[in-house]
Amino acid sequence: MTISRRSLLIGLPLLLAGCQTGPSPQSMYDARPNEPHPLKKVPIDKIKPELRRQEVAYETSQPAGTIVVDTPARRLYYVLGNGRAIRYGVGVGRSGLALAGVAHIGRKAEWPSWTPTGNMIRRDPQRNLKYAGGVPGGINNPLGARALYLYRGSKDTMFRIHGTNQPWSIGQAMSSGCIRMMNHDVIDLYDRVKVGSRVLVLQA
């Protein structure tokens, strides 16, 4: 049996299409002009490959739908089940400013407003007191495009998983305890999870 050049040229695009397993790294971070506050394209070449969103092998006893934050590794996993997860690079809290253990998503918000906590104002009044009245949602808001509010029971822990207007901080430990993600990534996670979803935060 022989394959003609014409048949090969016709079949090659279909063969290549069958090898593709998902969107390209750049397309996941393209501009989002239809957001209430449009997002620019992320310069993917400036983001380390290991910090970009991707599906990976991940063995865990946690059920599908769980968020696992691996603080020492600066990674967040959304458990898919069957040994798979979506992995995201994250920024985490400075030493002593971090949540540990189990919580759940108590509420979700798109382009949320932000008000520094009393502890943040007392810890750094020069930086945070001027924002005590709150900051409206938008590109310059520290919570970025989305926020997931972590609760224990009916009590707000005051910790969040949120976007950031400082993408260069992903992979570092410098926040006031919250888990920060690139805006494009937190939008993706926000669309996957529901209020009530389990969150496990691992510390060293």
Foldseek 3Di string as FASTA:
>chain_A
DDDDPVNCVVCVVVVVVVVDDDDDQQVLQDWDCPAPATGHRDPVVVPPPVQGKDKDFADDPDDQQEWEAEQVQQWIWRHHDPRMTIIHFKEFADPPQADAFKWFFQDKDFQAKDADDPVVCVVPVVPHVVQNVIGGGYLPHQQAGMWGFTHDPNHTPPEIEGEGNCQVNGRYHHDNHHIYGHNSVVVVVVVRHDGGHMYGYDDD
